[in-house]
C-alpha atoms as a PDB file:
ATOM      1  CA  UNK A   1     -28.918   4.943  -1.456  1.00  0.00           C
ATOM      2  CA  UNK A   2     -25.929   5.900   0.783  1.00  0.00           C
ATOM      3  CA  UNK A   3     -22.484   5.996  -0.236  1.00  0.00           C
ATOM      4  CA  UNK A   4     -20.790   3.063   1.777  1.00  0.00           C
ATOM      5  CA  UNK A   5     -23.294   0.732   0.204  1.00  0.00           C
ATOM      6  CA  UNK A   6     -22.739   2.040  -3.572  1.00  0.00           C
ATOM      7  CA  UNK A   7     -18.948   1.417  -2.422  1.00  0.00           C
ATOM      8  CA  UNK A   8     -20.222  -2.465  -1.503  1.00  0.00           C
ATOM      9  CA  UNK A   9     -22.071  -2.109  -4.881  1.00  0.00           C
ATOM     10  CA  UNK A  10     -19.058  -1.247  -6.760  1.00  0.00           C
ATOM     11  CA  UNK A  11     -16.961  -4.099  -5.068  1.00  0.00           C
ATOM     12  CA  UNK A  12     -19.151  -6.594  -6.032  1.00  0.00           C
ATOM     13  CA  UNK A  13     -19.560  -5.672  -9.548  1.00  0.00           C
ATOM     14  CA  UNK A  14     -15.675  -5.378 -10.246  1.00  0.00           C
ATOM     15  CA  UNK A  15     -15.197  -8.549  -8.318  1.00  0.00           C
ATOM     16  CA  UNK A  16     -17.723 -10.668 -10.673  1.00  0.00           C
ATOM     17  CA  UNK A  17     -15.908  -8.396 -13.758  1.00  0.00           C
ATOM     18  CA  UNK A  18     -12.629 -10.122 -12.195  1.00  0.00           C
ATOM     19  CA  UNK A  19     -14.004 -13.358 -12.774  1.00  0.00           C
ATOM     20  CA  UNK A  20     -15.348 -13.814 -15.820  1.00  0.00           C
ATOM     21  CA  UNK A  21     -13.630 -15.792 -18.490  1.00  0.00           C
ATOM     22  CA  UNK A  22     -15.888 -16.036 -21.417  1.00  0.00           C
ATOM     23  CA  UNK A  23     -16.686 -13.531 -24.022  1.00  0.00           C
ATOM     24  CA  UNK A  24     -20.247 -12.446 -23.538  1.00  0.00           C
ATOM     25  CA  UNK A  25     -22.909 -10.639 -25.693  1.00  0.00           C
ATOM     26  CA  UNK A  26     -23.179  -6.998 -24.344  1.00  0.00           C
ATOM     27  CA  UNK A  27     -26.577  -6.761 -22.309  1.00  0.00           C
ATOM     28  CA  UNK A  28     -29.070  -3.986 -22.422  1.00  0.00           C
ATOM     29  CA  UNK A  29     -27.733  -0.684 -21.351  1.00  0.00           C
ATOM     30  CA  UNK A  30     -28.592  -0.680 -17.354  1.00  0.00           C
ATOM     31  CA  UNK A  31     -28.923   2.256 -15.493  1.00  0.00           C
ATOM     32  CA  UNK A  32     -25.943   3.321 -13.571  1.00  0.00           C
ATOM     33  CA  UNK A  33     -26.575   5.783 -10.498  1.00  0.00           C
ATOM     34  CA  UNK A  34     -24.989   9.275 -10.806  1.00  0.00           C
ATOM     35  CA  UNK A  35     -22.547  10.828  -8.660  1.00  0.00           C
ATOM     36  CA  UNK A  36     -23.136  14.838  -7.992  1.00  0.00           C
ATOM     37  CA  UNK A  37     -20.355  16.763  -8.362  1.00  0.00           C
ATOM     38  CA  UNK A  38     -19.287  17.668  -4.872  1.00  0.00           C
ATOM     39  CA  UNK A  39     -15.868  17.896  -3.226  1.00  0.00           C
ATOM     40  CA  UNK A  40     -15.757  14.099  -2.497  1.00  0.00           C
ATOM     41  CA  UNK A  41     -16.151  13.268  -5.797  1.00  0.00           C
ATOM     42  CA  UNK A  42     -13.766  15.993  -7.308  1.00  0.00           C
ATOM     43  CA  UNK A  43     -11.207  15.093  -4.693  1.00  0.00           C
ATOM     44  CA  UNK A  44     -11.541  11.269  -5.444  1.00  0.00           C
ATOM     45  CA  UNK A  45     -11.031  11.829  -9.323  1.00  0.00           C
ATOM     46  CA  UNK A  46      -7.689  13.729  -8.767  1.00  0.00           C
ATOM     47  CA  UNK A  47      -6.347  10.219  -8.080  1.00  0.00           C
ATOM     48  CA  UNK A  48      -7.856   8.777 -10.837  1.00  0.00           C
ATOM     49  CA  UNK A  49      -4.871   8.980 -13.052  1.00  0.00           C
ATOM     50  CA  UNK A  50      -2.549   7.627 -10.128  1.00  0.00           C
ATOM     51  CA  UNK A  51      -5.123   4.627  -9.610  1.00  0.00           C
ATOM     52  CA  UNK A  52      -5.629   3.603 -13.374  1.00  0.00           C
ATOM     53  CA  UNK A  53      -1.740   3.351 -13.615  1.00  0.00           C
ATOM     54  CA  UNK A  54      -1.140   1.707 -10.468  1.00  0.00           C
ATOM     55  CA  UNK A  55      -3.905  -0.872 -11.330  1.00  0.00           C
ATOM     56  CA  UNK A  56      -3.651  -1.601 -14.965  1.00  0.00           C
ATOM     57  CA  UNK A  57      -0.010  -0.395 -16.690  1.00  0.00           C
ATOM     58  CA  UNK A  58       2.550  -2.788 -17.483  1.00  0.00           C
ATOM     59  CA  UNK A  59       4.918  -0.107 -16.003  1.00  0.00           C
ATOM     60  CA  UNK A  60       3.438  -0.605 -12.538  1.00  0.00           C
ATOM     61  CA  UNK A  61       3.758  -4.452 -12.810  1.00  0.00           C
ATOM     62  CA  UNK A  62       7.409  -4.465 -14.290  1.00  0.00           C
ATOM     63  CA  UNK A  63       8.199  -2.019 -11.612  1.00  0.00           C
ATOM     64  CA  UNK A  64       7.026  -4.304  -8.843  1.00  0.00           C
ATOM     65  CA  UNK A  65       8.859  -7.368 -10.156  1.00  0.00           C
ATOM     66  CA  UNK A  66      12.066  -5.386 -10.415  1.00  0.00           C
ATOM     67  CA  UNK A  67      11.634  -3.819  -6.943  1.00  0.00           C
ATOM     68  CA  UNK A  68      11.263  -7.948  -5.835  1.00  0.00           C
ATOM     69  CA  UNK A  69      14.447  -8.857  -8.111  1.00  0.00           C
ATOM     70  CA  UNK A  70      16.686  -6.255  -6.625  1.00  0.00           C
ATOM     71  CA  UNK A  71      15.416  -7.240  -3.043  1.00  0.00           C
ATOM     72  CA  UNK A  72      17.057 -10.516  -3.576  1.00  0.00           C
ATOM     73  CA  UNK A  73      20.359  -9.023  -4.347  1.00  0.00           C
ATOM     74  CA  UNK A  74      20.408  -6.659  -1.666  1.00  0.00           C
ATOM     75  CA  UNK A  75      18.912  -9.644   0.812  1.00  0.00           C
ATOM     76  CA  UNK A  76      22.202 -11.824  -0.259  1.00  0.00           C
ATOM     77  CA  UNK A  77      24.765  -9.180   0.587  1.00  0.00           C
ATOM     78  CA  UNK A  78      23.273  -8.247   3.566  1.00  0.00           C
ATOM     79  CA  UNK A  79      23.060 -11.546   5.049  1.00  0.00           C
ATOM     80  CA  UNK A  80      27.027 -11.766   4.505  1.00  0.00           C
ATOM     81  CA  UNK A  81      27.517  -9.552   7.500  1.00  0.00           C
ATOM     82  CA  UNK A  82      28.136 -11.547  10.764  1.00  0.00           C
ATOM     83  CA  UNK A  83      25.674 -11.242  13.419  1.00  0.00           C
ATOM     84  CA  UNK A  84      24.537 -13.415  16.335  1.00  0.00           C
ATOM     85  CA  UNK A  85      20.997 -12.533  16.044  1.00  0.00           C
ATOM     86  CA  UNK A  86      18.710 -14.294  13.535  1.00  0.00           C
ATOM     87  CA  UNK A  87      18.271 -12.299  10.191  1.00  0.00           C
ATOM     88  CA  UNK A  88      14.730 -10.746   9.796  1.00  0.00           C
ATOM     89  CA  UNK A  89      13.140  -9.174   6.618  1.00  0.00           C
ATOM     90  CA  UNK A  90      10.144  -6.222   7.490  1.00  0.00           C
ATOM     91  CA  UNK A  91       7.492  -5.883   4.921  1.00  0.00           C
ATOM     92  CA  UNK A  92       4.834  -3.622   4.883  1.00  0.00           C
ATOM     93  CA  UNK A  93       1.641  -4.890   3.473  1.00  0.00           C
ATOM     94  CA  UNK A  94      -0.702  -2.468   1.682  1.00  0.00           C
ATOM     95  CA  UNK A  95       0.462  -2.069  -2.046  1.00  0.00           C
ATOM     96  CA  UNK A  96       4.156  -3.771  -0.697  1.00  0.00           C
ATOM     97  CA  UNK A  97       2.941  -7.660  -0.721  1.00  0.00           C
ATOM     98  CA  UNK A  98      -0.497  -7.182  -1.100  1.00  0.00           C
ATOM     99  CA  UNK A  99      -2.626  -5.042  -4.009  1.00  0.00           C
ATOM    100  CA  UNK A 100      -5.473  -2.956  -3.080  1.00  0.00           C
ATOM    101  CA  UNK A 101      -6.020  -0.970  -6.239  1.00  0.00           C
ATOM    102  CA  UNK A 102      -9.252  -2.739  -6.668  1.00  0.00           C
ATOM    103  CA  UNK A 103     -10.677  -0.891  -3.647  1.00  0.00           C
ATOM    104  CA  UNK A 104      -9.394   2.283  -5.111  1.00  0.00           C
ATOM    105  CA  UNK A 105     -11.003   1.802  -8.469  1.00  0.00           C
ATOM    106  CA  UNK A 106     -14.065   1.197  -6.893  1.00  0.00           C
ATOM    107  CA  UNK A 107     -13.994   4.134  -4.667  1.00  0.00           C
ATOM    108  CA  UNK A 108     -13.362   6.540  -7.591  1.00  0.00           C
ATOM    109  CA  UNK A 109     -16.116   4.603 -10.109  1.00  0.00           C
ATOM    110  CA  UNK A 110     -18.768   6.511  -7.223  1.00  0.00           C
ATOM    111  CA  UNK A 111     -16.539   9.616  -6.464  1.00  0.00           C
ATOM    112  CA  UNK A 112     -15.789   8.518  -3.048  1.00  0.00           C
ATOM    113  CA  UNK A 113     -12.745   8.770  -0.925  1.00  0.00           C
ATOM    114  CA  UNK A 114     -11.046   6.762   1.551  1.00  0.00           C
ATOM    115  CA  UNK A 115     -13.140   5.779   5.074  1.00  0.00           C
ATOM    116  CA  UNK A 116     -12.771   3.142   7.437  1.00  0.00           C
ATOM    117  CA  UNK A 117     -16.361   1.778   7.165  1.00  0.00           C
ATOM    118  CA  UNK A 118     -15.734   0.728   3.123  1.00  0.00           C
ATOM    119  CA  UNK A 119     -11.947  -0.136   3.506  1.00  0.00           C
ATOM    120  CA  UNK A 120     -12.642  -2.664   6.392  1.00  0.00           C
ATOM    121  CA  UNK A 121     -15.379  -3.988   4.018  1.00  0.00           C
ATOM    122  CA  UNK A 122     -13.016  -4.576   1.519  1.00  0.00           C
ATOM    123  CA  UNK A 123     -10.218  -6.270   3.845  1.00  0.00           C
ATOM    124  CA  UNK A 124     -13.454  -8.293   5.358  1.00  0.00           C
ATOM    125  CA  UNK A 125     -13.189 -10.114   2.244  1.00  0.00           C
ATOM    126  CA  UNK A 126      -9.455 -11.083   2.374  1.00  0.00           C
ATOM    127  CA  UNK A 127      -9.439 -10.961  -1.607  1.00  0.00           C
ATOM    128  CA  UNK A 128      -6.508  -8.563  -2.543  1.00  0.00           C
ATOM    129  CA  UNK A 129      -4.341 -10.192  -4.975  1.00  0.00           C
ATOM    130  CA  UNK A 130      -0.607 -10.379  -4.394  1.00  0.00           C
ATOM    131  CA  UNK A 131       2.001  -8.006  -5.764  1.00  0.00           C
ATOM    132  CA  UNK A 132       3.972  -9.632  -8.833  1.00  0.00           C
ATOM    133  CA  UNK A 133       7.036 -10.689  -6.937  1.00  0.00           C
ATOM    134  CA  UNK A 134       6.344 -10.476  -3.209  1.00  0.00           C
ATOM    135  CA  UNK A 135       5.340 -14.235  -2.769  1.00  0.00           C
ATOM    136  CA  UNK A 136       8.410 -15.608  -4.449  1.00  0.00           C
ATOM    137  CA  UNK A 137      10.733 -12.949  -2.720  1.00  0.00           C
ATOM    138  CA  UNK A 138       9.437 -13.886   1.035  1.00  0.00           C
ATOM    139  CA  UNK A 139       9.337 -17.712   0.441  1.00  0.00           C
ATOM    140  CA  UNK A 140      12.994 -17.260  -0.418  1.00  0.00           C
ATOM    141  CA  UNK A 141      14.252 -15.029   2.059  1.00  0.00           C
ATOM    142  CA  UNK A 142      12.597 -17.322   4.528  1.00  0.00           C
ATOM    143  CA  UNK A 143      14.623 -20.624   2.536  1.00  0.00           C
ATOM    144  CA  UNK A 144      17.678 -18.707   3.811  1.00  0.00           C
ATOM    145  CA  UNK A 145      16.404 -18.351   7.340  1.00  0.00           C
ATOM    146  CA  UNK A 146      14.878 -15.111   7.483  1.00  0.00           C
ATOM    147  CA  UNK A 147      12.214 -14.479   9.887  1.00  0.00           C
ATOM    148  CA  UNK A 148       9.286 -12.296   8.155  1.00  0.00           C
ATOM    149  CA  UNK A 149       7.499  -9.906  10.014  1.00  0.00           C
ATOM    150  CA  UNK A 150       4.680  -7.756   8.449  1.00  0.00           C
ATOM    151  CA  UNK A 151       4.668  -4.290   9.782  1.00  0.00           C
ATOM    152  CA  UNK A 152       1.292  -2.711   8.835  1.00  0.00           C
ATOM    153  CA  UNK A 153      -0.942   0.194   9.756  1.00  0.00           C
ATOM    154  CA  UNK A 154      -4.157  -1.685   9.192  1.00  0.00           C
ATOM    155  CA  UNK A 155      -6.449  -1.585  12.606  1.00  0.00           C
ATOM    156  CA  UNK A 156      -6.496  -4.335  14.851  1.00  0.00           C
ATOM    157  CA  UNK A 157      -9.929  -5.451  13.868  1.00  0.00           C
ATOM    158  CA  UNK A 158      -8.674  -6.593  10.691  1.00  0.00           C
ATOM    159  CA  UNK A 159      -5.567  -9.154  12.161  1.00  0.00           C
ATOM    160  CA  UNK A 160      -7.932 -12.180  11.265  1.00  0.00           C
ATOM    161  CA  UNK A 161      -8.841 -11.202   7.793  1.00  0.00           C
ATOM    162  CA  UNK A 162      -5.279  -9.726   6.861  1.00  0.00           C
ATOM    163  CA  UNK A 163      -3.992 -13.477   7.830  1.00  0.00           C
ATOM    164  CA  UNK A 164      -6.107 -15.348   5.790  1.00  0.00           C
ATOM    165  CA  UNK A 165      -5.548 -13.125   3.009  1.00  0.00           C
ATOM    166  CA  UNK A 166      -2.020 -13.486   3.690  1.00  0.00           C
ATOM    167  CA  UNK A 167      -2.111 -17.391   3.976  1.00  0.00           C
ATOM    168  CA  UNK A 168      -4.256 -18.049   1.022  1.00  0.00           C
ATOM    169  CA  UNK A 169      -1.158 -16.725  -1.113  1.00  0.00           C
ATOM    170  CA  UNK A 170       1.528 -18.616   0.092  1.00  0.00           C
ATOM    171  CA  UNK A 171       2.905 -15.763   2.516  1.00  0.00           C
ATOM    172  CA  UNK A 172       5.370 -17.354   4.651  1.00  0.00           C
ATOM    173  CA  UNK A 173       4.796 -16.856   8.277  1.00  0.00           C
ATOM    174  CA  UNK A 174       1.494 -15.498   8.424  1.00  0.00           C
ATOM    175  CA  UNK A 175       0.665 -15.430  11.916  1.00  0.00           C
ATOM    176  CA  UNK A 176      -0.191 -13.518  14.706  1.00  0.00           C
ATOM    177  CA  UNK A 177       3.542 -13.505  16.043  1.00  0.00           C
ATOM    178  CA  UNK A 178       4.815 -11.954  12.767  1.00  0.00           C
ATOM    179  CA  UNK A 179       2.181  -9.347  12.203  1.00  0.00           C
ATOM    180  CA  UNK A 180       2.509  -6.148  14.208  1.00  0.00           C
ATOM    181  CA  UNK A 181      -0.523  -3.996  13.388  1.00  0.00           C
ATOM    182  CA  UNK A 182      -1.169  -0.233  14.362  1.00  0.00           C
ATOM    183  CA  UNK A 183      -1.704   0.073  17.666  1.00  0.00           C
ATOM    184  CA  UNK A 184      -2.338   3.894  18.311  1.00  0.00           C
ATOM    185  CA  UNK A 185       0.019   5.439  16.352  1.00  0.00           C
ATOM    186  CA  UNK A 186       0.829   5.258  12.343  1.00  0.00           C
ATOM    187  CA  UNK A 187       4.776   5.445  13.242  1.00  0.00           C
ATOM    188  CA  UNK A 188       6.125   2.366  12.658  1.00  0.00           C
ATOM    189  CA  UNK A 189       9.528   3.230  14.452  1.00  0.00           C
ATOM    190  CA  UNK A 190       8.499   1.084  17.696  1.00  0.00           C
ATOM    191  CA  UNK A 191       7.294  -1.766  16.253  1.00  0.00           C
ATOM    192  CA  UNK A 192      10.497  -1.718  13.792  1.00  0.00           C
ATOM    193  CA  UNK A 193      12.647  -1.624  17.247  1.00  0.00           C
ATOM    194  CA  UNK A 194      10.730  -4.278  18.215  1.00  0.00           C
ATOM    195  CA  UNK A 195      12.053  -6.734  15.846  1.00  0.00           C
ATOM    196  CA  UNK A 196      15.478  -5.415  16.023  1.00  0.00           C
ATOM    197  CA  UNK A 197      15.766  -6.413  19.594  1.00  0.00           C
ATOM    198  CA  UNK A 198      16.373  -9.440  18.983  1.00  0.00           C
ATOM    199  CA  UNK A 199      16.819  -9.930  14.913  1.00  0.00           C
ATOM    200  CA  UNK A 200      19.353  -8.806  12.828  1.00  0.00           C
ATOM    201  CA  UNK A 201      16.970  -6.573  10.397  1.00  0.00           C
ATOM    202  CA  UNK A 202      18.595  -7.073   6.679  1.00  0.00           C
ATOM    203  CA  UNK A 203      15.710  -5.633   4.785  1.00  0.00           C
ATOM    204  CA  UNK A 204      12.886  -3.619   4.828  1.00  0.00           C
ATOM    205  CA  UNK A 205      10.345  -3.309   1.998  1.00  0.00           C
ATOM    206  CA  UNK A 206       7.648  -0.869   1.483  1.00  0.00           C
ATOM    207  CA  UNK A 207       5.555   1.668  -0.932  1.00  0.00           C
ATOM    208  CA  UNK A 208       6.276   4.501   1.379  1.00  0.00           C
ATOM    209  CA  UNK A 209       9.968   6.070   2.540  1.00  0.00           C
ATOM    210  CA  UNK A 210       8.058   6.139   6.188  1.00  0.00           C
ATOM    211  CA  UNK A 211       7.857   2.261   5.848  1.00  0.00           C
ATOM    212  CA  UNK A 212      11.967   2.822   6.654  1.00  0.00           C
ATOM    213  CA  UNK A 213      12.228   5.942   8.815  1.00  0.00           C
ATOM    214  CA  UNK A 214       9.812   8.315  10.446  1.00  0.00           C
ATOM    215  CA  UNK A 215      11.788  11.030   9.528  1.00  0.00           C
ATOM    216  CA  UNK A 216      10.614  11.164   5.993  1.00  0.00           C
ATOM    217  CA  UNK A 217       6.946  12.169   7.320  1.00  0.00           C
ATOM    218  CA  UNK A 218       8.151  15.821   7.369  1.00  0.00           C
ATOM    219  CA  UNK A 219       7.962  17.100   3.957  1.00  0.00           C
ATOM    220  CA  UNK A 220       8.321  20.744   4.909  1.00  0.00           C
ATOM    221  CA  UNK A 221      11.857  21.258   2.873  1.00  0.00           C
ATOM    222  CA  UNK A 222      12.258  20.523  -0.512  1.00  0.00           C
ATOM    223  CA  UNK A 223       9.086  17.705  -0.208  1.00  0.00           C
ATOM    224  CA  UNK A 224      11.261  15.653   1.700  1.00  0.00           C
ATOM    225  CA  UNK A 225      13.749  15.238  -1.237  1.00  0.00           C
ATOM    226  CA  UNK A 226      16.848  16.329   0.970  1.00  0.00           C
ATOM    227  CA  UNK A 227      16.049  14.044   3.610  1.00  0.00           C
ATOM    228  CA  UNK A 228      16.291  11.177   0.734  1.00  0.00           C
ATOM    229  CA  UNK A 229      19.676  12.172  -0.124  1.00  0.00           C
ATOM    230  CA  UNK A 230      21.078  12.620   3.000  1.00  0.00           C
ATOM    231  CA  UNK A 231      20.272   9.102   4.133  1.00  0.00           C
ATOM    232  CA  UNK A 232      21.140   7.693   0.398  1.00  0.00           C
ATOM    233  CA  UNK A 233      23.457   5.175   1.190  1.00  0.00           C
ATOM    234  CA  UNK A 234      21.506   3.475   3.798  1.00  0.00           C
ATOM    235  CA  UNK A 235      18.310   3.580   1.535  1.00  0.00           C
ATOM    236  CA  UNK A 236      20.266   1.849  -1.123  1.00  0.00           C
ATOM    237  CA  UNK A 237      21.763  -0.586   1.245  1.00  0.00           C
ATOM    238  CA  UNK A 238      18.548  -1.422   3.381  1.00  0.00           C
ATOM    239  CA  UNK A 239      15.105  -0.652   1.705  1.00  0.00           C
ATOM    240  CA  UNK A 240      13.454  -1.433  -1.256  1.00  0.00           C
ATOM    241  CA  UNK A 241      10.856   1.183  -2.296  1.00  0.00           C
ATOM    242  CA  UNK A 242       7.929  -0.164  -4.519  1.00  0.00           C
ATOM    243  CA  UNK A 243       5.878   2.054  -6.473  1.00  0.00           C
ATOM    244  CA  UNK A 244       2.311   3.511  -5.173  1.00  0.00           C
ATOM    245  CA  UNK A 245       1.293   6.953  -6.307  1.00  0.00           C
ATOM    246  CA  UNK A 246      -2.805   6.390  -5.484  1.00  0.00           C
ATOM    247  CA  UNK A 247      -1.957   7.595  -1.582  1.00  0.00           C
ATOM    248  CA  UNK A 248       0.354   8.631   0.964  1.00  0.00           C
ATOM    249  CA  UNK A 249       2.398  11.200   2.892  1.00  0.00           C
ATOM    250  CA  UNK A 250       3.498  12.989  -0.413  1.00  0.00           C
ATOM    251  CA  UNK A 251      -0.403  13.397  -1.167  1.00  0.00           C
ATOM    252  CA  UNK A 252      -1.153  14.166   2.545  1.00  0.00           C
ATOM    253  CA  UNK A 253       1.634  16.789   2.961  1.00  0.00           C
ATOM    254  CA  UNK A 254      -0.150  19.097  -0.200  1.00  0.00           C
ATOM    255  CA  UNK A 255      -3.840  18.317   0.981  1.00  0.00           C
ATOM    256  CA  UNK A 256      -3.765  17.934   4.467  1.00  0.00           C
ATOM    257  CA  UNK A 257      -6.023  16.045   6.931  1.00  0.00           C
ATOM    258  CA  UNK A 258      -9.102  18.103   7.285  1.00  0.00           C
ATOM    259  CA  UNK A 259     -12.391  17.588   5.931  1.00  0.00           C
ATOM    260  CA  UNK A 260     -12.681  16.942   1.895  1.00  0.00           C
ATOM    261  CA  UNK A 261     -13.808  20.367   1.588  1.00  0.00           C
ATOM    262  CA  UNK A 262     -10.595  21.459   3.128  1.00  0.00           C
ATOM    263  CA  UNK A 263      -8.015  19.063   1.181  1.00  0.00           C
ATOM    264  CA  UNK A 264      -9.921  19.945  -2.431  1.00  0.00           C
ATOM    265  CA  UNK A 265      -9.497  23.603  -1.636  1.00  0.00           C
ATOM    266  CA  UNK A 266      -5.653  22.538  -0.517  1.00  0.00           C
ATOM    267  CA  UNK A 267      -5.204  20.737  -3.695  1.00  0.00           C
ATOM    268  CA  UNK A 268      -6.488  23.482  -6.197  1.00  0.00           C
ATOM    269  CA  UNK A 269      -4.327  26.097  -4.380  1.00  0.00           C
ATOM    270  CA  UNK A 270      -1.148  23.814  -4.690  1.00  0.00           C
ATOM    271  CA  UNK A 271      -2.000  23.659  -8.638  1.00  0.00           C
ATOM    272  CA  UNK A 272      -2.641  26.830  -9.240  1.00  0.00           C
ATOM    273  CA  UNK A 273       0.923  27.819  -7.096  1.00  0.00           C
ATOM    274  CA  UNK A 274       2.737  25.112  -8.787  1.00  0.00           C
ATOM    275  CA  UNK A 275       1.525  25.722 -12.308  1.00  0.00           C
ATOM    276  CA  UNK A 276       2.577  29.020 -13.085  1.00  0.00           C
END
């Protein structure tokens, strides 16, 4: 059985487990396919603690709630600034309004790293749950006449399933006009500017600093922390950052964008350098 099939099987098993509400007698043990220890498997397991924390911890749950509580305060304050343009809130999607940690759990269960085919199989289900606090906050923002724009690096082919997922959870303005998908580049600068051209952007919410400014892609100096300090005032007023240790620029800066073998080697070298 190939790995994409195993990923889909893991997703199915996980979904079934989520739906069980009655305690059942444990069945006889079944054979679980073992995954050979290879670069892909070891690389996947480098992130297992991060995925466990994001998916299962009350700490992540509380931080997500807290982020959207702070978002309400910032929103009300920023709306006091007079502007002729209609106000807008920009949010990322993955790990900002939709929780994809089940995809990460299923992948680690079989020692699999991210690939576009298994990811699309996940998004095709339109089954991601809402991040705690996200729906209520965006409905509140909409009640204050804010337009909601979803700027995501999901693929254009995921438009329909993404909108279906958002709409099923009650997210406001889950329509084509307010969904800006990736079109050739992961840099969201142009898409944010497109919104700002005829809206007053009063707040942005994301799980990556690059959801606010592309300058945060550069982690060559002090891991990007100096840029955080330089932009501290603007970040404090206009950007809400939600937790996501599972993936992102911080990890790409360490492991690179090469093959799994190269990423694994880079991670090993980083731990050796920084563990002294």
